[in-house]
Amino acid sequence: MLGALATIPKLKKLNLSRNRFTEWQTSAIFENLIELYLAFNGFLEENAVIPALESCEHLQMLVVTGNIFALDNNQTYKLIAKLCDRPNGQLINELTEPPEYMKGSRTLKETMPFNNMLNYGASKGLV
């Protein structure tokens, strides 16, 4: 599937969030991609995401919120170094505040695919 998406010449933003990916599974090159959303997948280690940077040479923004490796505040990210070397490079990892769509009336535990994912709503009295 990712290989087919890489053939779209004007593709600039790609949202692959919440797809339960555990690794970047393509050698296809995304020549014009500048934003890649990989939030809330199953990436256990940062090394599983680095091939995405290598196949997206113009990437400026990578969102990794909610992946297992991104939940550790103390981790040193190689991704940051790779992205900061690029003009306007950003690594997005929202650790402190959930997106608005996660603040609904349902319990957040029902919406979380991993047992050890942070339950943002517990500290705010939402669950």
N, C-alpha and C. Protein backbone atom coordinates (compact mmCIF):
# COMPACT_ATOMS: atom_id res chain seq x y z
N MET A 1 0.82 -1.19 0.00
CA MET A 1 0.00 0.00 0.00
C MET A 1 0.87 1.26 0.00
N LEU A 2 1.90 1.31 0.86
CA LEU A 2 2.73 2.51 0.93
C LEU A 2 3.46 2.77 -0.38
N GLY A 3 3.87 1.71 -1.04
CA GLY A 3 4.54 1.87 -2.33
C GLY A 3 3.64 2.55 -3.35
N ALA A 4 2.35 2.21 -3.33
CA ALA A 4 1.40 2.84 -4.25
C ALA A 4 1.22 4.32 -3.91
N LEU A 5 1.19 4.65 -2.63
CA LEU A 5 1.05 6.06 -2.23
C LEU A 5 2.26 6.88 -2.68
N ALA A 6 3.42 6.26 -2.70
CA ALA A 6 4.64 6.98 -3.09
C ALA A 6 4.62 7.40 -4.55
N THR A 7 3.74 6.80 -5.33
CA THR A 7 3.68 7.15 -6.76
C THR A 7 2.84 8.40 -7.02
N ILE A 8 2.20 8.93 -6.00
CA ILE A 8 1.42 10.16 -6.15
C ILE A 8 2.39 11.34 -6.10
N PRO A 9 2.64 12.00 -7.22
CA PRO A 9 3.71 12.99 -7.29
C PRO A 9 3.51 14.24 -6.43
N LYS A 10 2.27 14.64 -6.19
CA LYS A 10 2.03 15.87 -5.44
C LYS A 10 1.66 15.61 -3.98
N LEU A 11 1.87 14.39 -3.50
CA LEU A 11 1.55 14.05 -2.11
C LEU A 11 2.51 14.77 -1.18
N LYS A 12 1.96 15.65 -0.35
CA LYS A 12 2.78 16.45 0.57
C LYS A 12 2.53 16.08 2.03
N LYS A 13 1.31 15.62 2.35
CA LYS A 13 0.95 15.26 3.72
C LYS A 13 0.37 13.86 3.71
N LEU A 14 0.80 13.04 4.66
CA LEU A 14 0.31 11.67 4.74
C LEU A 14 0.03 11.32 6.19
N ASN A 15 -1.22 10.98 6.48
CA ASN A 15 -1.62 10.62 7.83
C ASN A 15 -1.81 9.10 7.90
N LEU A 16 -0.89 8.44 8.58
CA LEU A 16 -0.96 6.99 8.78
C LEU A 16 -1.16 6.68 10.27
N SER A 17 -1.73 7.61 11.00
CA SER A 17 -1.98 7.42 12.43
C SER A 17 -3.03 6.34 12.66
N ARG A 18 -2.90 5.66 13.80
CA ARG A 18 -3.87 4.66 14.26
C ARG A 18 -4.05 3.51 13.27
N ASN A 19 -2.95 3.02 12.71
CA ASN A 19 -3.02 1.89 11.79
C ASN A 19 -2.31 0.64 12.33
N ARG A 20 -1.83 0.71 13.54
CA ARG A 20 -1.14 -0.42 14.19
C ARG A 20 0.12 -0.85 13.46
N PHE A 21 0.77 0.08 12.78
CA PHE A 21 2.05 -0.22 12.16
C PHE A 21 3.09 -0.44 13.26
N THR A 22 3.99 -1.37 13.04
CA THR A 22 5.08 -1.61 13.97
C THR A 22 6.43 -1.30 13.34
N GLU A 23 6.44 -1.12 12.04
CA GLU A 23 7.66 -0.73 11.33
C GLU A 23 7.29 -0.08 10.01
N TRP A 24 8.24 0.66 9.45
CA TRP A 24 8.05 1.30 8.14
C TRP A 24 8.34 0.23 7.10
N GLN A 25 7.33 -0.19 6.37
CA GLN A 25 7.43 -1.37 5.52
C GLN A 25 7.48 -1.07 4.04
N THR A 26 8.30 -0.14 3.65
CA THR A 26 8.45 0.13 2.22
C THR A 26 9.82 0.71 1.94
N SER A 27 10.30 0.45 0.77
CA SER A 27 11.55 1.07 0.34
C SER A 27 11.25 2.19 -0.67
N ALA A 28 9.97 2.44 -0.89
CA ALA A 28 9.55 3.49 -1.83
C ALA A 28 10.02 4.86 -1.33
N ILE A 29 10.31 5.74 -2.25
CA ILE A 29 10.75 7.09 -1.92
C ILE A 29 9.58 8.06 -2.10
N PHE A 30 9.29 8.81 -1.05
CA PHE A 30 8.24 9.84 -1.09
C PHE A 30 8.95 11.17 -1.35
N GLU A 31 9.08 11.53 -2.61
CA GLU A 31 9.91 12.66 -3.00
C GLU A 31 9.42 14.01 -2.50
N ASN A 32 8.12 14.23 -2.42
CA ASN A 32 7.60 15.55 -2.06
C ASN A 32 6.93 15.60 -0.70
N LEU A 33 6.95 14.53 0.05
CA LEU A 33 6.27 14.48 1.34
C LEU A 33 6.97 15.41 2.34
N ILE A 34 6.19 16.30 2.96
CA ILE A 34 6.76 17.21 3.96
C ILE A 34 6.19 16.97 5.36
N GLU A 35 5.02 16.32 5.46
CA GLU A 35 4.42 16.02 6.76
C GLU A 35 4.00 14.56 6.80
N LEU A 36 4.42 13.86 7.87
CA LEU A 36 4.08 12.46 8.04
C LEU A 36 3.57 12.25 9.46
N TYR A 37 2.36 11.73 9.56
CA TYR A 37 1.72 11.49 10.85
C TYR A 37 1.73 9.99 11.12
N LEU A 38 2.47 9.58 12.14
CA LEU A 38 2.56 8.16 12.52
C LEU A 38 2.08 7.97 13.97
N ALA A 39 1.24 8.87 14.44
CA ALA A 39 0.79 8.83 15.84
C ALA A 39 -0.05 7.60 16.13
N PHE A 40 0.06 7.12 17.36
CA PHE A 40 -0.76 6.03 17.90
C PHE A 40 -0.72 4.77 17.04
N ASN A 41 0.48 4.39 16.63
CA ASN A 41 0.70 3.11 15.98
C ASN A 41 1.39 2.21 17.00
N GLY A 42 2.07 1.20 16.55
CA GLY A 42 2.71 0.25 17.47
C GLY A 42 4.22 0.25 17.39
N PHE A 43 4.83 1.40 17.07
CA PHE A 43 6.28 1.46 16.98
C PHE A 43 6.88 1.34 18.39
N LEU A 44 7.60 0.24 18.62
CA LEU A 44 8.19 -0.01 19.93
C LEU A 44 9.50 0.74 20.11
N GLU A 45 10.26 0.87 19.04
CA GLU A 45 11.56 1.52 19.09
C GLU A 45 11.66 2.60 18.03
N GLU A 46 12.43 3.59 18.33
CA GLU A 46 12.63 4.69 17.40
C GLU A 46 13.25 4.20 16.08
N ASN A 47 14.08 3.19 16.15
CA ASN A 47 14.73 2.66 14.94
C ASN A 47 13.72 2.18 13.91
N ALA A 48 12.53 1.81 14.34
CA ALA A 48 11.49 1.35 13.42
C ALA A 48 10.93 2.50 12.57
N VAL A 49 11.13 3.74 13.02
CA VAL A 49 10.60 4.91 12.32
C VAL A 49 11.67 5.58 11.45
N ILE A 50 12.93 5.39 11.78
CA ILE A 50 14.01 6.06 11.05
C ILE A 50 13.98 5.79 9.55
N PRO A 51 13.65 4.57 9.07
CA PRO A 51 13.55 4.37 7.62
C PRO A 51 12.53 5.30 6.94
N ALA A 52 11.52 5.73 7.67
CA ALA A 52 10.56 6.68 7.11
C ALA A 52 11.25 8.00 6.76
N LEU A 53 12.14 8.44 7.64
CA LEU A 53 12.89 9.67 7.36
C LEU A 53 13.79 9.51 6.15
N GLU A 54 14.37 8.33 6.02
CA GLU A 54 15.29 8.09 4.91
C GLU A 54 14.56 8.03 3.57
N SER A 55 13.29 7.62 3.59
CA SER A 55 12.54 7.54 2.33
C SER A 55 11.77 8.84 2.03
N CYS A 56 11.83 9.79 2.94
CA CYS A 56 11.14 11.07 2.75
C CYS A 56 12.17 12.20 2.90
N GLU A 57 12.94 12.43 1.87
CA GLU A 57 14.08 13.34 1.98
C GLU A 57 13.70 14.79 2.24
N HIS A 58 12.48 15.20 1.93
CA HIS A 58 12.05 16.59 2.16
C HIS A 58 11.15 16.73 3.39
N LEU A 59 11.04 15.66 4.17
CA LEU A 59 10.16 15.68 5.33
C LEU A 59 10.57 16.77 6.31
N GLN A 60 9.58 17.55 6.74
CA GLN A 60 9.82 18.62 7.69
C GLN A 60 9.15 18.35 9.04
N MET A 61 8.06 17.58 9.03
CA MET A 61 7.34 17.33 10.28
C MET A 61 6.98 15.86 10.39
N LEU A 62 7.31 15.28 11.53
CA LEU A 62 6.99 13.89 11.83
C LEU A 62 6.28 13.84 13.17
N VAL A 63 5.08 13.25 13.21
CA VAL A 63 4.31 13.16 14.45
C VAL A 63 4.37 11.72 14.94
N VAL A 64 4.89 11.52 16.17
CA VAL A 64 5.05 10.18 16.74
C VAL A 64 4.27 9.99 18.03
N THR A 65 3.42 10.90 18.38
CA THR A 65 2.63 10.85 19.62
C THR A 65 1.97 9.49 19.80
N GLY A 66 2.07 8.95 21.03
CA GLY A 66 1.33 7.74 21.37
C GLY A 66 2.00 6.43 21.01
N ASN A 67 3.14 6.45 20.34
CA ASN A 67 3.88 5.22 20.08
C ASN A 67 4.67 4.86 21.33
N ILE A 68 4.92 3.58 21.53
CA ILE A 68 5.56 3.11 22.76
C ILE A 68 6.88 3.83 23.02
N PHE A 69 7.73 3.93 22.01
CA PHE A 69 9.03 4.58 22.23
C PHE A 69 8.88 6.06 22.57
N ALA A 70 7.81 6.69 22.11
CA ALA A 70 7.62 8.12 22.32
C ALA A 70 7.03 8.44 23.70
N LEU A 71 6.61 7.43 24.44
CA LEU A 71 6.02 7.67 25.76
C LEU A 71 7.07 7.89 26.84
N ASP A 72 8.34 7.61 26.53
CA ASP A 72 9.42 7.79 27.49
C ASP A 72 9.98 9.20 27.36
N ASN A 73 9.69 10.04 28.35
CA ASN A 73 10.15 11.44 28.32
C ASN A 73 11.66 11.57 28.30
N ASN A 74 12.37 10.59 28.85
CA ASN A 74 13.81 10.71 29.03
C ASN A 74 14.62 10.18 27.84
N GLN A 75 13.95 9.68 26.85
CA GLN A 75 14.67 9.08 25.72
C GLN A 75 15.31 10.15 24.84
N THR A 76 16.53 9.89 24.41
CA THR A 76 17.20 10.77 23.47
C THR A 76 16.81 10.33 22.07
N TYR A 77 16.28 11.23 21.31
CA TYR A 77 15.77 10.88 19.99
C TYR A 77 16.80 11.13 18.90
N LYS A 78 17.12 10.08 18.15
CA LYS A 78 17.94 10.24 16.95
C LYS A 78 17.11 10.96 15.89
N LEU A 79 15.79 10.76 15.97
CA LEU A 79 14.89 11.41 15.01
C LEU A 79 15.02 12.92 15.07
N ILE A 80 15.15 13.46 16.27
CA ILE A 80 15.26 14.90 16.42
C ILE A 80 16.50 15.40 15.68
N ALA A 81 17.60 14.70 15.85
CA ALA A 81 18.83 15.11 15.19
C ALA A 81 18.67 15.05 13.68
N LYS A 82 18.04 13.99 13.17
CA LYS A 82 17.87 13.86 11.72
C LYS A 82 16.94 14.96 11.18
N LEU A 83 15.87 15.26 11.92
CA LEU A 83 14.93 16.28 11.45
C LEU A 83 15.48 17.70 11.62
N CYS A 84 16.23 17.93 12.68
CA CYS A 84 16.76 19.28 12.92
C CYS A 84 17.82 19.66 11.90
N ASP A 85 18.39 18.68 11.24
CA ASP A 85 19.35 18.97 10.19
C ASP A 85 18.66 19.48 8.93
N ARG A 86 17.35 19.34 8.87
CA ARG A 86 16.58 19.78 7.70
C ARG A 86 15.98 21.15 7.96
N PRO A 87 15.79 21.93 6.90
CA PRO A 87 15.15 23.24 7.10
C PRO A 87 13.73 23.06 7.67
N ASN A 88 13.43 23.77 8.72
CA ASN A 88 12.12 23.75 9.39
C ASN A 88 11.73 22.38 9.93
N GLY A 89 12.69 21.50 10.20
CA GLY A 89 12.38 20.16 10.69
C GLY A 89 11.78 20.17 12.09
N GLN A 90 10.72 19.36 12.30
CA GLN A 90 10.04 19.27 13.59
C GLN A 90 9.68 17.83 13.90
N LEU A 91 9.90 17.43 15.13
CA LEU A 91 9.41 16.15 15.63
C LEU A 91 8.31 16.48 16.63
N ILE A 92 7.10 15.98 16.41
CA ILE A 92 5.97 16.28 17.29
C ILE A 92 5.69 15.06 18.16
N ASN A 93 5.69 15.28 19.47
CA ASN A 93 5.36 14.24 20.43
C ASN A 93 4.60 14.91 21.57
N GLU A 94 3.28 14.87 21.52
CA GLU A 94 2.45 15.52 22.53
C GLU A 94 2.36 14.63 23.76
N LEU A 95 3.20 14.90 24.74
CA LEU A 95 3.21 14.05 25.93
C LEU A 95 2.33 14.58 27.05
N THR A 96 2.12 15.86 27.11
CA THR A 96 1.45 16.42 28.27
C THR A 96 -0.04 16.66 28.08
N GLU A 97 -0.48 16.94 26.91
CA GLU A 97 -1.88 17.28 26.69
C GLU A 97 -2.42 16.49 25.50
N PRO A 98 -3.55 15.81 25.67
CA PRO A 98 -4.11 15.03 24.55
C PRO A 98 -4.77 15.94 23.52
N PRO A 99 -4.93 15.44 22.31
CA PRO A 99 -5.68 16.20 21.31
C PRO A 99 -7.13 16.35 21.76
N GLU A 100 -7.81 17.37 21.29
CA GLU A 100 -9.19 17.64 21.71
C GLU A 100 -10.12 16.46 21.48
N TYR A 101 -9.94 15.70 20.40
CA TYR A 101 -10.86 14.61 20.11
C TYR A 101 -10.76 13.48 21.13
N MET A 102 -9.71 13.46 21.95
CA MET A 102 -9.59 12.42 22.97
C MET A 102 -10.24 12.83 24.28
N LYS A 103 -10.79 14.01 24.37
CA LYS A 103 -11.38 14.51 25.61
C LYS A 103 -12.89 14.29 25.65
N GLY A 104 -13.39 13.29 24.95
CA GLY A 104 -14.81 13.04 24.86
C GLY A 104 -15.39 12.42 26.12
N SER A 105 -16.64 12.02 26.06
CA SER A 105 -17.32 11.47 27.22
C SER A 105 -17.03 9.99 27.45
N ARG A 106 -16.59 9.26 26.39
CA ARG A 106 -16.25 7.85 26.59
C ARG A 106 -15.00 7.75 27.44
N THR A 107 -14.85 6.63 28.10
CA THR A 107 -13.62 6.45 28.86
C THR A 107 -12.48 6.28 27.89
N LEU A 108 -11.37 6.91 28.19
CA LEU A 108 -10.24 6.88 27.29
C LEU A 108 -9.60 5.50 27.20
N LYS A 109 -9.77 4.67 28.22
CA LYS A 109 -9.21 3.32 28.17
C LYS A 109 -9.83 2.52 27.02
N GLU A 110 -11.07 2.78 26.69
CA GLU A 110 -11.74 2.09 25.59
C GLU A 110 -11.13 2.44 24.24
N THR A 111 -10.55 3.63 24.14
CA THR A 111 -10.03 4.08 22.85
C THR A 111 -8.56 3.78 22.67
N MET A 112 -7.88 3.27 23.69
CA MET A 112 -6.44 3.09 23.62
C MET A 112 -6.07 1.66 23.24
N PRO A 113 -5.27 1.48 22.18
CA PRO A 113 -4.94 0.16 21.69
C PRO A 113 -3.88 -0.56 22.50
N PHE A 114 -3.15 0.11 23.38
CA PHE A 114 -2.07 -0.53 24.13
C PHE A 114 -2.34 -0.42 25.63
N ASN A 115 -2.02 -1.46 26.36
CA ASN A 115 -2.25 -1.46 27.81
C ASN A 115 -1.41 -0.43 28.54
N ASN A 116 -0.21 -0.16 28.06
CA ASN A 116 0.67 0.75 28.77
C ASN A 116 0.70 2.15 28.18
N MET A 117 -0.31 2.52 27.39
CA MET A 117 -0.39 3.87 26.85
C MET A 117 -0.87 4.81 27.95
N LEU A 118 -0.34 6.01 27.98
CA LEU A 118 -0.73 6.98 28.99
C LEU A 118 -2.23 7.25 28.93
N ASN A 119 -2.86 7.32 30.06
CA ASN A 119 -4.27 7.66 30.12
C ASN A 119 -4.36 9.13 30.46
N TYR A 120 -4.36 9.98 29.44
CA TYR A 120 -4.32 11.42 29.61
C TYR A 120 -5.48 11.93 30.47
N GLY A 121 -6.65 11.33 30.33
CA GLY A 121 -7.83 11.85 31.00
C GLY A 121 -7.87 11.63 32.49
N ALA A 122 -7.13 10.64 33.01
CA ALA A 122 -7.19 10.32 34.43
C ALA A 122 -6.75 11.52 35.29
N SER A 123 -5.71 12.20 34.86
CA SER A 123 -5.21 13.33 35.65
C SER A 123 -6.13 14.54 35.53
N LYS A 124 -6.97 14.59 34.53
CA LYS A 124 -7.86 15.73 34.32
C LYS A 124 -9.28 15.45 34.81
N GLY A 125 -9.50 14.24 35.38
CA GLY A 125 -10.83 13.88 35.86
C GLY A 125 -11.81 13.59 34.75
N LEU A 126 -11.33 13.17 33.58
CA LEU A 126 -12.22 12.93 32.45
C LEU A 126 -12.71 11.49 32.37
N VAL A 127 -12.09 10.59 33.10
CA VAL A 127 -12.50 9.19 33.02
C VAL A 127 -13.13 8.72 34.30
